[in-house]
N, C-alpha and C. Protein backbone atom coordinates (compact mmCIF):
# COMPACT_ATOMS: atom_id res chain seq x y z
N MET A 1 92.97 58.85 -27.16
CA MET A 1 92.90 57.86 -26.02
C MET A 1 94.45 57.65 -25.60
N SER A 2 94.36 57.91 -24.32
CA SER A 2 95.81 58.12 -23.47
C SER A 2 96.41 56.54 -23.55
N PRO A 3 97.78 56.32 -23.75
CA PRO A 3 98.21 55.06 -23.77
C PRO A 3 98.30 54.41 -22.32
N PRO A 4 98.14 53.14 -22.17
CA PRO A 4 98.16 52.55 -20.80
C PRO A 4 99.36 52.73 -19.89
N VAL A 5 99.14 53.00 -18.64
CA VAL A 5 100.38 53.06 -17.78
C VAL A 5 100.89 51.46 -17.63
N HIS A 6 102.04 51.13 -18.00
CA HIS A 6 102.54 49.95 -17.90
C HIS A 6 103.56 49.87 -16.62
N LYS A 7 103.49 48.69 -15.83
CA LYS A 7 104.22 48.47 -14.80
C LYS A 7 105.39 47.52 -15.10
N VAL A 8 106.48 47.84 -14.34
CA VAL A 8 107.60 46.88 -14.65
C VAL A 8 107.52 45.78 -13.50
N ARG A 9 107.99 44.50 -14.02
CA ARG A 9 107.92 43.56 -13.19
C ARG A 9 109.32 42.65 -13.53
N ALA A 10 109.62 42.02 -12.39
CA ALA A 10 111.07 41.30 -12.55
C ALA A 10 110.62 39.81 -12.59
N SER A 11 111.15 38.89 -13.46
CA SER A 11 110.97 37.65 -13.38
C SER A 11 112.06 36.74 -13.63
N ARG A 12 112.23 35.38 -13.58
CA ARG A 12 113.26 34.57 -14.18
C ARG A 12 112.94 34.28 -15.66
N ALA A 13 113.46 34.26 -14.91
CA ALA A 13 113.19 33.84 -16.29
C ALA A 13 114.29 32.79 -16.67
N ILE A 14 122.60 31.79 -56.13
CA ILE A 14 121.72 32.68 -56.79
C ILE A 14 121.84 32.37 -58.17
N PHE A 15 120.31 32.16 -57.44
CA PHE A 15 120.41 32.00 -58.99
C PHE A 15 121.04 33.14 -59.59
N ILE A 16 122.21 32.94 -60.27
CA ILE A 16 122.67 34.05 -61.03
C ILE A 16 123.01 33.45 -62.56
N GLY A 17 122.58 34.17 -63.30
CA GLY A 17 122.72 33.77 -64.86
C GLY A 17 122.99 34.86 -65.77
N GLY A 18 123.43 34.49 -67.00
CA GLY A 18 123.79 35.37 -68.12
C GLY A 18 124.48 36.73 -67.73
N HIS A 19 123.95 37.84 -68.54
CA HIS A 19 124.45 38.97 -68.22
C HIS A 19 124.17 39.68 -67.06
N ARG A 20 123.59 39.24 -66.16
CA ARG A 20 123.13 39.57 -64.79
C ARG A 20 124.13 39.21 -63.88
N TYR A 21 125.16 38.59 -64.01
CA TYR A 21 126.21 38.06 -63.07
C TYR A 21 126.86 39.04 -62.22
N LEU A 22 127.27 40.19 -62.76
CA LEU A 22 127.98 41.17 -62.18
C LEU A 22 126.96 41.84 -61.20
N THR A 23 125.73 42.14 -61.57
CA THR A 23 124.67 42.87 -60.49
C THR A 23 124.72 41.92 -59.51
N ALA A 24 124.29 40.53 -59.64
CA ALA A 24 124.14 39.43 -58.53
C ALA A 24 125.43 39.46 -57.73
N PHE A 25 126.50 39.56 -58.35
CA PHE A 25 127.79 39.50 -57.50
C PHE A 25 127.67 40.78 -56.50
N ILE A 26 127.51 41.77 -56.97
CA ILE A 26 127.61 43.02 -56.22
C ILE A 26 126.60 42.70 -54.96
N ALA A 27 125.44 42.24 -55.18
CA ALA A 27 124.36 42.06 -54.21
C ALA A 27 124.74 41.17 -53.10
N LEU A 28 125.52 40.04 -53.59
CA LEU A 28 126.04 39.06 -52.80
C LEU A 28 127.08 39.64 -51.95
N PHE A 29 127.83 40.44 -52.56
CA PHE A 29 129.00 41.24 -51.72
C PHE A 29 128.46 41.92 -50.50
N TYR A 30 127.49 42.74 -50.78
CA TYR A 30 126.76 43.55 -49.76
C TYR A 30 126.16 42.71 -48.67
N ILE A 31 125.57 41.71 -49.34
CA ILE A 31 124.72 40.99 -48.14
C ILE A 31 125.64 40.13 -47.25
N HIS A 32 126.52 39.27 -47.91
CA HIS A 32 127.25 38.52 -47.12
C HIS A 32 128.49 38.91 -46.56
N MET A 33 128.96 40.14 -46.58
CA MET A 33 130.25 40.62 -46.07
C MET A 33 130.09 40.19 -44.69
N SER A 34 131.35 40.22 -43.91
CA SER A 34 131.48 39.92 -42.53
C SER A 34 130.53 40.90 -41.69
N ALA A 35 129.87 40.34 -40.82
CA ALA A 35 128.99 41.28 -39.77
C ALA A 35 129.80 42.37 -39.28
N THR A 36 131.16 42.15 -39.19
CA THR A 36 132.06 43.11 -38.40
C THR A 36 132.65 44.07 -39.39
N ALA A 37 132.10 44.05 -40.51
CA ALA A 37 132.63 44.96 -41.76
C ALA A 37 132.57 46.43 -41.37
N GLY A 38 131.36 46.84 -40.42
CA GLY A 38 131.50 48.14 -40.18
C GLY A 38 132.50 48.65 -39.11
N GLU A 39 132.87 49.87 -39.11
CA GLU A 39 134.12 50.21 -38.32
C GLU A 39 133.56 50.94 -37.12
N LEU A 40 133.69 50.39 -35.91
CA LEU A 40 133.56 50.98 -34.65
C LEU A 40 134.45 51.87 -34.51
N GLU A 41 134.03 53.27 -34.27
CA GLU A 41 134.90 54.28 -33.90
C GLU A 41 134.90 54.76 -32.31
N GLY A 42 133.91 54.14 -31.71
CA GLY A 42 134.06 54.27 -30.23
C GLY A 42 132.61 53.87 -29.47
N LEU A 43 132.99 53.38 -28.27
CA LEU A 43 131.67 52.88 -27.55
C LEU A 43 132.03 52.91 -26.11
N SER A 44 131.32 53.84 -25.46
CA SER A 44 131.28 53.91 -23.92
C SER A 44 129.97 53.74 -23.29
N VAL A 45 129.98 53.09 -22.19
CA VAL A 45 128.87 52.74 -21.32
C VAL A 45 129.22 53.24 -19.99
N THR A 46 128.32 54.18 -19.31
CA THR A 46 128.42 54.78 -18.07
C THR A 46 127.19 54.36 -17.01
N VAL A 47 127.55 53.84 -15.82
CA VAL A 47 126.51 53.68 -14.93
C VAL A 47 127.03 54.41 -13.57
N GLU A 48 126.23 55.44 -13.20
CA GLU A 48 126.55 56.05 -11.94
C GLU A 48 125.10 56.59 -11.35
N ASN A 49 125.12 56.27 -10.00
CA ASN A 49 123.88 56.65 -9.28
C ASN A 49 122.69 56.48 -9.72
N GLY A 50 122.48 55.34 -10.40
CA GLY A 50 121.17 55.02 -11.01
C GLY A 50 121.01 55.62 -12.49
N ASP A 51 121.92 56.43 -12.98
CA ASP A 51 121.72 57.05 -14.36
C ASP A 51 122.70 56.09 -15.16
N TYR A 52 121.99 55.87 -16.40
CA TYR A 52 122.82 54.97 -17.42
C TYR A 52 123.15 55.74 -18.64
N GLY A 53 124.13 55.53 -19.28
CA GLY A 53 124.57 56.33 -20.46
C GLY A 53 125.14 55.47 -21.53
N ILE A 54 124.93 55.58 -22.86
CA ILE A 54 125.63 54.97 -23.92
C ILE A 54 125.94 56.09 -24.89
N ARG A 55 127.05 55.80 -25.56
CA ARG A 55 127.59 56.61 -26.70
C ARG A 55 128.29 55.83 -27.54
N ILE A 56 127.90 55.73 -28.76
CA ILE A 56 128.48 54.92 -29.92
C ILE A 56 128.53 55.64 -31.13
N ALA A 57 129.70 55.45 -31.87
CA ALA A 57 129.88 55.98 -33.06
C ALA A 57 130.60 54.97 -34.07
N MET A 58 129.76 54.72 -35.21
CA MET A 58 130.32 53.61 -36.13
C MET A 58 130.04 54.03 -37.55
N VAL A 59 130.86 53.48 -38.42
CA VAL A 59 130.84 53.63 -39.94
C VAL A 59 130.13 52.35 -40.44
N MET A 60 129.15 52.54 -41.02
CA MET A 60 128.34 51.13 -41.63
C MET A 60 128.55 51.00 -42.98
N ASP A 61 128.70 49.84 -43.44
CA ASP A 61 128.94 49.51 -44.72
C ASP A 61 127.71 49.21 -45.57
N ALA A 62 126.82 50.49 -45.65
CA ALA A 62 125.51 50.45 -46.30
C ALA A 62 125.16 51.94 -46.51
N PRO A 63 124.47 52.30 -47.53
CA PRO A 63 124.10 53.57 -47.93
C PRO A 63 123.38 54.17 -46.82
N ALA A 64 123.33 55.62 -46.53
CA ALA A 64 122.57 56.11 -45.63
C ALA A 64 121.26 55.96 -45.65
N ASP A 65 120.60 56.15 -46.81
CA ASP A 65 119.32 56.16 -47.06
C ASP A 65 118.71 54.69 -46.49
N TYR A 66 119.34 53.74 -46.75
CA TYR A 66 118.98 52.40 -46.28
C TYR A 66 119.07 52.37 -44.59
N VAL A 67 120.04 52.91 -44.25
CA VAL A 67 120.23 52.74 -42.70
C VAL A 67 118.95 53.56 -41.94
N TYR A 68 119.10 54.67 -42.66
CA TYR A 68 117.86 55.57 -42.05
C TYR A 68 116.44 54.74 -42.09
N ARG A 69 116.14 54.21 -43.12
CA ARG A 69 114.92 53.46 -43.32
C ARG A 69 114.72 52.47 -42.22
N VAL A 70 115.88 51.69 -41.97
CA VAL A 70 115.94 50.73 -41.08
C VAL A 70 115.63 51.26 -39.43
N ILE A 71 116.40 52.32 -39.07
CA ILE A 71 116.31 52.81 -37.81
C ILE A 71 114.74 53.61 -37.63
N THR A 72 114.25 54.02 -38.73
CA THR A 72 113.08 54.70 -38.48
C THR A 72 111.83 53.81 -38.82
N ASP A 73 112.08 52.57 -38.94
CA ASP A 73 111.05 51.55 -39.19
C ASP A 73 110.39 51.16 -37.61
N TYR A 74 109.84 51.98 -36.88
CA TYR A 74 109.62 51.90 -35.55
C TYR A 74 108.68 50.77 -35.32
N LYS A 75 107.71 50.40 -36.15
CA LYS A 75 106.91 49.32 -35.89
C LYS A 75 107.62 47.91 -35.95
N HIS A 76 108.75 47.89 -36.51
CA HIS A 76 109.34 46.70 -36.58
C HIS A 76 110.83 46.80 -35.78
N ALA A 77 110.82 47.40 -34.69
CA ALA A 77 112.05 47.69 -34.04
C ALA A 77 112.67 46.40 -33.51
N TYR A 78 111.83 45.41 -33.27
CA TYR A 78 112.29 44.12 -32.73
C TYR A 78 113.13 43.44 -33.77
N ARG A 79 113.19 43.83 -35.02
CA ARG A 79 114.07 43.36 -36.06
C ARG A 79 115.61 43.56 -35.75
N ILE A 80 115.78 44.73 -35.07
CA ILE A 80 117.14 45.21 -34.86
C ILE A 80 117.49 45.07 -33.31
N ASN A 81 116.58 44.46 -32.43
CA ASN A 81 116.79 44.54 -31.12
C ASN A 81 115.94 43.27 -30.55
N PRO A 82 116.56 41.94 -30.55
CA PRO A 82 115.64 40.75 -30.09
C PRO A 82 115.00 40.95 -28.65
N CYS A 83 115.65 41.80 -27.92
CA CYS A 83 115.14 42.10 -26.45
C CYS A 83 113.72 42.64 -26.69
N ILE A 84 113.35 43.37 -27.67
CA ILE A 84 112.01 43.96 -27.89
C ILE A 84 111.18 43.12 -28.40
N THR A 85 109.81 42.68 -27.60
CA THR A 85 108.95 41.87 -27.88
C THR A 85 107.78 42.36 -28.46
N GLU A 86 107.62 43.43 -28.36
CA GLU A 86 106.28 44.29 -28.92
C GLU A 86 106.75 45.82 -29.37
N SER A 87 106.35 46.20 -30.39
CA SER A 87 106.56 47.83 -30.82
C SER A 87 105.20 48.27 -31.51
N GLU A 88 104.85 49.38 -31.24
CA GLU A 88 103.67 50.03 -31.91
C GLU A 88 103.91 51.36 -31.93
N ILE A 89 103.20 51.90 -32.80
CA ILE A 89 103.10 53.40 -32.99
C ILE A 89 101.71 53.82 -32.37
N LEU A 90 101.90 54.81 -31.60
CA LEU A 90 100.66 55.34 -30.80
C LEU A 90 100.30 56.75 -31.63
N PRO A 91 99.09 57.08 -31.13
CA PRO A 91 98.71 58.50 -31.53
C PRO A 91 99.59 59.29 -31.12
N SER A 92 99.89 60.40 -32.01
CA SER A 92 101.10 61.43 -31.71
C SER A 92 100.59 62.74 -31.41
N PRO A 93 101.20 63.48 -30.48
CA PRO A 93 100.54 64.85 -30.26
C PRO A 93 100.63 65.80 -31.29
N ASP A 94 101.58 65.68 -32.29
CA ASP A 94 101.51 66.56 -33.50
C ASP A 94 102.12 65.79 -34.74
N ASP A 95 101.98 66.54 -35.76
CA ASP A 95 102.45 65.82 -37.05
C ASP A 95 103.93 65.76 -37.28
N ASP A 96 104.79 66.40 -36.44
CA ASP A 96 106.10 66.27 -36.51
C ASP A 96 106.72 65.17 -35.46
N THR A 97 105.82 64.50 -34.68
CA THR A 97 106.41 63.65 -33.83
C THR A 97 105.71 62.34 -33.90
N VAL A 98 106.74 61.32 -33.75
CA VAL A 98 106.17 59.88 -33.69
C VAL A 98 106.25 59.36 -32.33
N ARG A 99 105.04 59.06 -31.90
CA ARG A 99 105.06 58.30 -30.51
C ARG A 99 105.10 56.96 -30.64
N VAL A 100 106.03 56.21 -29.96
CA VAL A 100 106.24 54.93 -30.05
C VAL A 100 106.12 54.14 -28.60
N HIS A 101 105.69 52.76 -28.67
CA HIS A 101 105.69 52.01 -27.37
C HIS A 101 106.56 51.05 -27.53
N ASN A 102 107.37 50.49 -26.92
CA ASN A 102 108.11 49.27 -26.96
C ASN A 102 108.06 48.39 -25.78
N HIS A 103 107.95 47.11 -25.64
CA HIS A 103 107.90 46.37 -24.77
C HIS A 103 109.13 45.36 -24.86
N SER A 104 110.14 45.48 -23.88
CA SER A 104 111.33 44.49 -23.95
C SER A 104 111.41 43.76 -22.75
N VAL A 105 112.16 42.68 -22.88
CA VAL A 105 112.71 41.71 -21.77
C VAL A 105 114.22 41.62 -21.80
N HIS A 106 114.83 42.05 -20.95
CA HIS A 106 116.14 42.09 -20.66
C HIS A 106 116.61 41.15 -19.55
N CYS A 107 117.52 40.27 -19.74
CA CYS A 107 118.06 39.24 -18.69
C CYS A 107 119.59 39.30 -18.55
N ILE A 108 119.79 39.41 -17.14
CA ILE A 108 121.23 39.33 -16.89
C ILE A 108 121.39 38.25 -15.85
N TRP A 109 122.12 37.03 -16.14
CA TRP A 109 122.16 36.15 -15.39
C TRP A 109 120.86 35.46 -15.16
N LEU A 110 120.30 35.12 -14.01
CA LEU A 110 118.97 34.57 -13.72
C LEU A 110 118.02 35.78 -13.55
N PHE A 111 118.30 36.96 -13.70
CA PHE A 111 117.48 38.03 -13.37
C PHE A 111 116.90 38.61 -14.76
N CYS A 112 115.62 38.77 -15.01
CA CYS A 112 114.97 39.07 -16.27
C CYS A 112 113.97 40.22 -15.76
N PHE A 113 113.93 41.34 -16.46
CA PHE A 113 113.07 42.56 -16.48
C PHE A 113 112.23 42.76 -17.62
N ASP A 114 111.02 42.85 -17.32
CA ASP A 114 109.93 43.26 -18.28
C ASP A 114 109.92 44.87 -18.29
N ILE A 115 110.10 45.39 -19.43
CA ILE A 115 110.28 46.82 -19.50
C ILE A 115 109.56 47.42 -20.64
N ASP A 116 108.69 48.48 -20.31
CA ASP A 116 107.97 49.20 -21.12
C ASP A 116 108.51 50.47 -21.26
N TRP A 117 108.59 51.09 -22.49
CA TRP A 117 108.91 52.37 -22.81
C TRP A 117 107.96 53.07 -23.82
N ILE A 118 107.60 54.25 -23.56
CA ILE A 118 106.96 55.20 -24.51
C ILE A 118 107.52 56.46 -24.72
N GLY A 119 107.87 56.76 -25.79
CA GLY A 119 108.57 58.05 -26.22
C GLY A 119 108.18 58.81 -27.30
N ASP A 120 108.54 60.15 -27.61
CA ASP A 120 108.29 60.81 -28.68
C ASP A 120 109.67 60.99 -29.47
N ILE A 121 109.68 60.74 -30.76
CA ILE A 121 110.56 60.92 -31.76
C ILE A 121 110.54 61.97 -32.79
N VAL A 122 111.47 62.93 -32.75
CA VAL A 122 111.29 64.05 -33.66
C VAL A 122 112.53 64.14 -34.58
N GLU A 123 112.37 64.40 -35.83
CA GLU A 123 113.50 64.49 -36.79
C GLU A 123 113.68 66.18 -36.79
N LEU A 124 114.83 66.46 -36.14
CA LEU A 124 115.04 67.96 -35.91
C LEU A 124 115.40 68.64 -37.20
N GLN A 125 116.37 67.80 -38.10
CA GLN A 125 116.56 68.11 -39.35
C GLN A 125 117.22 66.90 -39.95
N GLU A 126 117.36 66.83 -41.36
CA GLU A 126 117.69 65.66 -41.94
C GLU A 126 118.95 64.91 -41.24
N GLY A 127 118.54 63.77 -41.02
CA GLY A 127 119.69 62.77 -40.24
C GLY A 127 119.87 63.05 -38.83
N TYR A 128 119.04 63.92 -38.14
CA TYR A 128 119.15 64.06 -36.83
C TYR A 128 117.74 63.64 -36.26
N LEU A 129 117.83 62.65 -35.21
CA LEU A 129 116.73 62.29 -34.54
C LEU A 129 116.88 62.56 -33.00
N LYS A 130 115.85 63.03 -32.36
CA LYS A 130 115.72 63.28 -30.89
C LYS A 130 114.61 62.47 -30.35
N VAL A 131 114.91 61.75 -29.39
CA VAL A 131 114.10 60.80 -28.48
C VAL A 131 113.90 61.38 -27.16
N ASP A 132 112.64 61.59 -26.70
CA ASP A 132 112.32 61.81 -25.40
C ASP A 132 111.36 60.80 -24.78
N THR A 133 111.88 60.25 -23.62
CA THR A 133 111.08 59.29 -22.95
C THR A 133 109.91 60.20 -22.16
N ILE A 134 108.86 59.45 -22.17
CA ILE A 134 107.66 59.91 -21.35
C ILE A 134 107.63 59.11 -20.08
N PRO A 135 108.09 59.64 -18.89
CA PRO A 135 108.09 58.80 -17.75
C PRO A 135 106.85 58.18 -17.13
N GLU A 136 105.85 59.01 -17.13
CA GLU A 136 104.45 58.58 -16.75
C GLU A 136 104.04 57.18 -17.37
N TYR A 137 104.52 56.86 -18.45
CA TYR A 137 104.16 55.66 -19.32
C TYR A 137 104.99 54.70 -19.44
N SER A 138 106.31 54.91 -18.75
CA SER A 138 107.28 54.09 -19.02
C SER A 138 107.88 53.50 -17.78
N SER A 139 108.86 52.65 -18.00
CA SER A 139 109.57 52.17 -16.78
C SER A 139 110.84 52.89 -16.55
N PHE A 140 110.80 54.14 -16.85
CA PHE A 140 111.91 55.15 -16.57
C PHE A 140 111.49 56.40 -15.93
N ASP A 141 112.26 56.98 -15.09
CA ASP A 141 112.07 58.20 -14.55
C ASP A 141 112.36 59.24 -15.53
N SER A 142 113.38 59.06 -16.31
CA SER A 142 113.83 60.04 -17.35
C SER A 142 114.48 59.22 -18.41
N GLY A 143 114.65 59.98 -19.65
CA GLY A 143 115.38 59.25 -20.61
C GLY A 143 115.45 60.09 -21.81
N MET A 144 116.45 60.17 -22.58
CA MET A 144 116.60 60.75 -23.85
C MET A 144 117.71 60.23 -24.77
N ALA A 145 117.60 60.48 -25.97
CA ALA A 145 118.42 59.88 -27.15
C ALA A 145 118.61 60.62 -28.19
N VAL A 146 119.69 60.75 -28.90
CA VAL A 146 119.81 61.44 -30.13
C VAL A 146 120.42 60.44 -31.17
N TRP A 147 120.00 60.62 -32.44
CA TRP A 147 120.67 60.05 -33.46
C TRP A 147 121.31 60.93 -34.47
N HIS A 148 122.48 60.77 -35.05
CA HIS A 148 123.04 61.55 -35.98
C HIS A 148 123.55 60.63 -37.07
N ILE A 149 122.85 60.80 -38.24
CA ILE A 149 122.99 59.79 -39.38
C ILE A 149 123.52 60.50 -40.53
N ARG A 150 124.78 60.25 -41.01
CA ARG A 150 125.42 60.95 -42.07
C ARG A 150 125.97 60.18 -43.23
N ALA A 151 125.79 60.50 -44.51
CA ALA A 151 126.24 59.62 -45.40
C ALA A 151 127.81 59.89 -45.68
N GLN A 152 128.63 59.02 -45.98
CA GLN A 152 129.94 58.95 -46.29
C GLN A 152 130.10 58.07 -47.60
N GLY A 153 129.82 58.83 -48.66
CA GLY A 153 129.79 58.13 -49.87
C GLY A 153 128.72 57.07 -49.95
N GLU A 154 129.11 55.80 -50.18
CA GLU A 154 128.30 54.69 -50.13
C GLU A 154 128.11 53.96 -48.61
N ARG A 155 128.76 54.56 -47.88
CA ARG A 155 128.83 54.15 -46.36
C ARG A 155 127.98 55.16 -45.41
N THR A 156 127.86 54.76 -44.19
CA THR A 156 127.15 55.63 -43.37
C THR A 156 127.72 55.95 -41.79
N TRP A 157 128.00 57.06 -41.46
CA TRP A 157 128.42 57.27 -40.33
C TRP A 157 127.33 57.59 -39.17
N ILE A 158 127.22 56.85 -38.02
CA ILE A 158 126.13 57.11 -37.20
C ILE A 158 126.88 57.44 -35.85
N LEU A 159 126.09 58.20 -35.10
CA LEU A 159 126.58 58.63 -33.75
C LEU A 159 125.24 58.46 -32.99
N HIS A 160 125.17 57.76 -31.99
CA HIS A 160 124.01 57.52 -31.06
C HIS A 160 124.38 57.78 -29.55
N HIS A 161 123.64 58.53 -29.09
CA HIS A 161 123.99 59.03 -27.49
C HIS A 161 122.71 58.84 -26.68
N SER A 162 122.56 58.22 -25.48
CA SER A 162 121.51 58.11 -24.74
C SER A 162 121.77 58.20 -23.36
N HIS A 163 120.82 58.66 -22.73
CA HIS A 163 120.73 58.76 -21.12
C HIS A 163 119.39 58.29 -20.67
N PHE A 164 119.29 57.52 -19.56
CA PHE A 164 118.12 57.18 -19.08
C PHE A 164 118.44 56.56 -17.59
N LYS A 165 117.15 56.67 -16.97
CA LYS A 165 117.23 56.32 -15.31
C LYS A 165 116.06 55.35 -15.14
N PRO A 166 116.36 54.08 -14.73
CA PRO A 166 115.15 53.19 -14.63
C PRO A 166 114.53 53.41 -13.34
N ASN A 167 113.01 53.18 -13.26
CA ASN A 167 112.39 53.38 -12.02
C ASN A 167 112.07 52.10 -11.39
N PHE A 168 112.67 50.90 -11.88
CA PHE A 168 112.61 49.57 -11.37
C PHE A 168 113.87 49.19 -10.49
N PHE A 169 113.73 48.29 -9.56
CA PHE A 169 114.76 47.77 -8.73
C PHE A 169 115.60 46.95 -9.53
N ILE A 170 116.79 47.11 -9.46
CA ILE A 170 117.85 46.28 -10.05
C ILE A 170 118.74 45.60 -8.91
N PRO A 171 118.62 44.33 -8.61
CA PRO A 171 119.45 43.72 -7.53
C PRO A 171 120.98 43.92 -7.65
N PRO A 172 121.18 44.49 -6.59
CA PRO A 172 122.81 44.78 -6.34
C PRO A 172 123.81 43.78 -6.63
N VAL A 173 123.18 42.45 -6.55
CA VAL A 173 124.16 41.27 -6.59
C VAL A 173 124.47 41.37 -8.18
N ILE A 174 123.74 41.85 -9.02
CA ILE A 174 124.11 41.82 -10.40
C ILE A 174 125.38 42.62 -10.73
N GLY A 175 125.73 43.59 -10.08
CA GLY A 175 126.92 44.29 -10.13
C GLY A 175 126.98 45.28 -11.57
N VAL A 176 127.66 46.36 -11.30
CA VAL A 176 127.82 47.33 -12.34
C VAL A 176 128.48 46.63 -13.53
N TYR A 177 129.58 45.88 -13.33
CA TYR A 177 130.31 45.27 -14.44
C TYR A 177 129.31 44.49 -15.38
N ALA A 178 128.41 43.66 -14.94
CA ALA A 178 127.67 42.60 -15.52
C ALA A 178 126.52 43.65 -16.35
N ILE A 179 126.02 44.66 -15.64
CA ILE A 179 125.22 45.60 -16.46
C ILE A 179 125.84 46.28 -17.54
N LYS A 180 126.95 46.97 -17.39
CA LYS A 180 127.74 47.36 -18.46
C LYS A 180 128.16 46.67 -19.60
N ARG A 181 128.42 45.18 -19.24
CA ARG A 181 128.62 44.47 -20.54
C ARG A 181 127.41 43.99 -21.15
N HIS A 182 126.20 43.94 -20.48
CA HIS A 182 125.10 43.51 -21.23
C HIS A 182 124.69 44.86 -22.04
N MET A 183 124.74 46.11 -21.59
CA MET A 183 124.39 47.19 -22.29
C MET A 183 125.42 47.40 -23.55
N ARG A 184 126.58 46.98 -23.43
CA ARG A 184 127.51 47.23 -24.53
C ARG A 184 127.34 46.05 -25.68
N ASP A 185 127.03 44.94 -24.97
CA ASP A 185 126.72 43.89 -25.87
C ASP A 185 125.55 43.94 -26.81
N GLU A 186 124.30 44.44 -26.04
CA GLU A 186 123.23 44.81 -26.73
C GLU A 186 123.30 45.95 -27.81
N THR A 187 124.15 46.83 -27.43
CA THR A 187 124.21 47.99 -28.18
C THR A 187 125.08 47.62 -29.74
N LEU A 188 126.05 46.93 -29.40
CA LEU A 188 126.81 46.32 -30.54
C LEU A 188 125.92 45.46 -31.49
N ASP A 189 125.33 44.57 -30.81
CA ASP A 189 124.32 43.50 -31.54
C ASP A 189 123.34 44.51 -32.44
N THR A 190 122.70 45.46 -31.82
CA THR A 190 121.79 46.30 -32.51
C THR A 190 122.44 46.86 -33.69
N PHE A 191 123.50 47.53 -33.55
CA PHE A 191 124.08 48.37 -34.67
C PHE A 191 124.52 47.32 -35.79
N LYS A 192 124.92 46.13 -35.43
CA LYS A 192 125.21 45.18 -36.48
C LYS A 192 123.96 44.58 -37.30
N ARG A 193 122.92 44.52 -36.32
CA ARG A 193 121.52 44.29 -37.14
C ARG A 193 121.02 45.28 -38.03
N ILE A 194 121.29 46.65 -37.58
CA ILE A 194 120.94 47.69 -38.37
C ILE A 194 121.69 47.64 -39.87
N GLU A 195 122.91 47.51 -39.64
CA GLU A 195 123.62 47.27 -40.81
C GLU A 195 123.29 46.22 -41.95
N CYS A 196 123.05 45.19 -41.12
CA CYS A 196 122.65 43.78 -41.93
C CYS A 196 121.05 44.06 -42.67
N HIS A 197 120.13 44.58 -41.91
CA HIS A 197 118.93 45.17 -42.70
C HIS A 197 118.89 45.99 -43.60
N ALA A 198 119.86 47.05 -43.42
CA ALA A 198 120.12 48.00 -44.52
C ALA A 198 120.71 47.37 -45.77
N LYS A 199 121.55 46.36 -45.70
CA LYS A 199 122.00 45.64 -46.72
C LYS A 199 120.90 44.81 -47.42
N ILE A 200 120.06 44.31 -46.60
CA ILE A 200 118.83 43.59 -47.21
C ILE A 200 117.94 44.41 -48.02
N LEU A 201 117.70 45.66 -47.55
CA LEU A 201 116.87 46.68 -48.50
C LEU A 201 117.57 46.98 -49.63
N LEU A 202 118.86 47.10 -49.63
CA LEU A 202 119.69 47.46 -50.77
C LEU A 202 119.53 46.31 -51.81
N GLU A 203 119.69 45.14 -51.22
CA GLU A 203 119.61 43.90 -52.16
C GLU A 203 118.27 43.93 -52.61
N ARG A 204 117.21 43.96 -52.00
CA ARG A 204 115.75 43.77 -52.44
C ARG A 204 115.51 44.95 -53.64
N ASP A 205 116.20 46.14 -53.54
CA ASP A 205 115.87 47.17 -54.44
C ASP A 205 116.73 46.64 -55.76
N MET A 206 117.86 46.31 -55.55
CA MET A 206 118.54 45.68 -56.78
C MET A 206 117.95 44.55 -57.46
N GLU A 207 117.31 43.74 -56.59
CA GLU A 207 116.44 42.63 -57.16
C GLU A 207 115.32 43.07 -57.97
N ASN A 208 114.57 44.09 -57.52
CA ASN A 208 113.57 44.76 -58.22
C ASN A 208 114.01 45.28 -59.62
N GLU A 209 115.16 46.03 -59.64
CA GLU A 209 115.67 46.43 -60.87
C GLU A 209 116.05 45.44 -61.86
N THR A 210 116.59 44.42 -61.50
CA THR A 210 117.09 43.25 -62.47
C THR A 210 116.13 42.32 -62.73
N ASP A 211 115.22 41.93 -61.82
CA ASP A 211 114.22 40.74 -62.07
C ASP A 211 114.71 39.59 -62.16
N HIS A 212 116.00 39.18 -62.45
CA HIS A 212 116.45 38.05 -62.57
C HIS A 212 117.35 37.62 -61.29
N LEU A 213 117.43 38.42 -60.36
CA LEU A 213 118.20 38.19 -59.06
C LEU A 213 117.49 37.45 -58.14
N GLU A 214 117.83 36.34 -57.71
CA GLU A 214 116.91 35.40 -56.75
C GLU A 214 117.13 36.15 -55.37
N LYS A 215 116.09 36.22 -54.46
CA LYS A 215 116.08 36.74 -53.24
C LYS A 215 117.00 35.99 -52.42
N LEU A 216 117.88 36.63 -51.65
CA LEU A 216 119.07 36.08 -50.87
C LEU A 216 118.58 35.81 -49.49
N VAL A 217 117.56 36.60 -49.03
CA VAL A 217 117.24 36.57 -47.52
C VAL A 217 115.73 36.66 -47.57
N ARG A 218 115.18 35.94 -46.63
CA ARG A 218 113.62 35.88 -46.41
C ARG A 218 113.45 36.48 -44.97
N ASP A 219 112.79 37.76 -44.96
CA ASP A 219 112.17 38.37 -43.75
C ASP A 219 113.32 38.64 -42.79
N GLY A 220 114.62 38.79 -43.26
CA GLY A 220 115.63 39.24 -42.35
C GLY A 220 116.24 38.19 -41.48
N ARG A 221 115.96 36.84 -42.02
CA ARG A 221 116.58 35.69 -41.03
C ARG A 221 118.00 35.52 -41.13
N ASP A 222 118.56 36.24 -42.18
CA ASP A 222 120.06 36.11 -42.34
C ASP A 222 120.63 37.17 -41.13
N CYS A 223 119.91 37.95 -40.55
CA CYS A 223 120.49 38.94 -39.64
C CYS A 223 120.42 38.33 -38.07
N ILE A 224 119.96 37.24 -38.02
CA ILE A 224 119.73 36.63 -36.73
C ILE A 224 121.12 36.34 -35.96
N ASN A 225 122.00 35.83 -36.93
CA ASN A 225 123.34 35.64 -36.22
C ASN A 225 124.30 36.46 -36.93
N VAL A 226 124.57 37.71 -36.25
CA VAL A 226 125.40 38.64 -36.77
C VAL A 226 126.66 38.89 -36.05
N ASN A 227 126.74 38.26 -34.99
CA ASN A 227 128.12 38.38 -34.07
C ASN A 227 129.10 37.61 -34.86
N GLY A 228 130.33 38.14 -34.70
CA GLY A 228 131.41 37.44 -35.27
C GLY A 228 132.62 38.27 -35.60
């Protein structure tokens, strides 16, 4: 069954005890590090003639396996981007492709935009993801993105690069500066949440191994306020 065509619309819108102390301390260290522990290597945002681009490179203080699990948890994409209100996996054209639908709401000043995106995600090789927008089912005339996820010891280096062209009207009064600032802030927030949730997955695995380590986070709520 073909996915529905969506139309865009604008609107206003530890316990720690005994000989487990060291293990518990390590988990606490990972989970409660400053949200800015990751090292931002570069972030650029471009807006030109209706085309938008983002390029970000960052080293995260979490192992690559856990970072990868967070990024590819497409059904729960809203955990790393609060603008996403709905995320679902659709029937895919082949076994190597994951087709995803996201609905999101983005607000700049008093202007809010309901946006639908449907795209195909393919892992070209280990740590490389390619994302292609399907324009006929999306609020975009075109769009693509790549993810490069690489282990650096117990840390992770990530490069994300994306280009997209919206097919909905953006009032000129918003201005390029405000749009670029929104895109930059949202990108940084998303990357901080990726790092935070990766640490949560690490903590949960350590908890399962020790049995006596109390759960430090419930459903990722410690990742709600990650700015700082």
